[in-house]
Amino acid sequence: MATLDAATLDDLRDALAEVEDKKPTQRLMAVINYLEEDDATMAEVAERYGYT
């Protein structure tokens, strides 16, 4: 995956299937959640994953 801007949800899900550590898993889940939820803000998603 070159950049996040060029990544599709499928790319992110593929990456999620390959990571093993907690922090990268949380980061990928946060990005996926943000992209899937039309009305979610970055702040809301960050709070869900404890980034605030």
C-alpha atoms as a PDB file:
ATOM      1  CA  MET A   1       0.000   0.000   0.000  1.00  0.00           C
ATOM      2  CA  ALA A   2       1.737   3.127  -1.229  1.00  0.00           C
ATOM      3  CA  THR A   3      -0.280   5.878   0.429  1.00  0.00           C
ATOM      4  CA  LEU A   4      -3.458   6.064   2.435  1.00  0.00           C
ATOM      5  CA  ASP A   5      -5.057   8.382  -0.131  1.00  0.00           C
ATOM      6  CA  ALA A   6      -4.676   5.725  -2.812  1.00  0.00           C
ATOM      7  CA  ALA A   7      -5.811   2.832  -0.602  1.00  0.00           C
ATOM      8  CA  THR A   8      -9.214   1.250  -1.076  1.00  0.00           C
ATOM      9  CA  LEU A   9     -11.249  -0.344   1.695  1.00  0.00           C
ATOM     10  CA  ASP A  10     -10.270  -3.714   0.239  1.00  0.00           C
ATOM     11  CA  ASP A  11      -6.580  -2.740   0.477  1.00  0.00           C
ATOM     12  CA  LEU A  12      -7.082  -1.747   4.105  1.00  0.00           C
ATOM     13  CA  ARG A  13      -8.927  -4.973   4.923  1.00  0.00           C
ATOM     14  CA  ASP A  14      -6.146  -6.987   3.278  1.00  0.00           C
ATOM     15  CA  ALA A  15      -3.583  -5.129   5.380  1.00  0.00           C
ATOM     16  CA  LEU A  16      -5.703  -5.734   8.485  1.00  0.00           C
ATOM     17  CA  ALA A  17      -5.647  -9.473   7.796  1.00  0.00           C
ATOM     18  CA  GLU A  18      -1.840  -9.382   7.783  1.00  0.00           C
ATOM     19  CA  VAL A  19      -1.031  -7.294  10.869  1.00  0.00           C
ATOM     20  CA  GLU A  20      -0.393  -8.981  14.182  1.00  0.00           C
ATOM     21  CA  ASP A  21       0.292  -6.176  16.631  1.00  0.00           C
ATOM     22  CA  LYS A  22      -2.342  -4.260  18.578  1.00  0.00           C
ATOM     23  CA  LYS A  23      -1.465  -0.703  17.537  1.00  0.00           C
ATOM     24  CA  PRO A  24      -1.411  -1.278  13.749  1.00  0.00           C
ATOM     25  CA  THR A  25      -4.661  -3.232  14.068  1.00  0.00           C
ATOM     26  CA  GLN A  26      -6.303  -0.347  15.938  1.00  0.00           C
ATOM     27  CA  ARG A  27      -5.060   2.182  13.408  1.00  0.00           C
ATOM     28  CA  LEU A  28      -6.364   0.200  10.463  1.00  0.00           C
ATOM     29  CA  MET A  29      -9.705  -0.366  12.182  1.00  0.00           C
ATOM     30  CA  ALA A  30     -10.000   3.349  12.882  1.00  0.00           C
ATOM     31  CA  VAL A  31      -9.330   4.242   9.247  1.00  0.00           C
ATOM     32  CA  ILE A  32     -11.770   1.600   8.005  1.00  0.00           C
ATOM     33  CA  ASN A  33     -14.443   2.814  10.432  1.00  0.00           C
ATOM     34  CA  TYR A  34     -13.903   6.413   9.386  1.00  0.00           C
ATOM     35  CA  LEU A  35     -14.198   5.587   5.693  1.00  0.00           C
ATOM     36  CA  GLU A  36     -17.243   3.346   6.138  1.00  0.00           C
ATOM     37  CA  GLU A  37     -19.258   5.705   8.335  1.00  0.00           C
ATOM     38  CA  ASP A  38     -20.522   8.633   6.306  1.00  0.00           C
ATOM     39  CA  ASP A  39     -21.344  10.811   9.297  1.00  0.00           C
ATOM     40  CA  ALA A  40     -18.352   9.936  11.484  1.00  0.00           C
ATOM     41  CA  THR A  41     -15.744  12.566  12.194  1.00  0.00           C
ATOM     42  CA  MET A  42     -12.068  11.844  12.714  1.00  0.00           C
ATOM     43  CA  ALA A  43     -12.441  13.005  16.310  1.00  0.00           C
ATOM     44  CA  GLU A  44     -15.266  10.525  16.993  1.00  0.00           C
ATOM     45  CA  VAL A  45     -13.374   7.623  15.509  1.00  0.00           C
ATOM     46  CA  ALA A  46     -10.187   8.630  17.332  1.00  0.00           C
ATOM     47  CA  GLU A  47     -12.082   8.701  20.620  1.00  0.00           C
ATOM     48  CA  ARG A  48     -13.455   5.196  19.995  1.00  0.00           C
ATOM     49  CA  TYR A  49      -9.941   3.870  19.654  1.00  0.00           C
ATOM     50  CA  GLY A  50      -8.476   5.858  22.530  1.00  0.00           C
ATOM     51  CA  TYR A  51      -6.466   8.328  20.467  1.00  0.00           C
ATOM     52  CA  THR A  52      -7.807  11.410  22.261  1.00  0.00           C
END
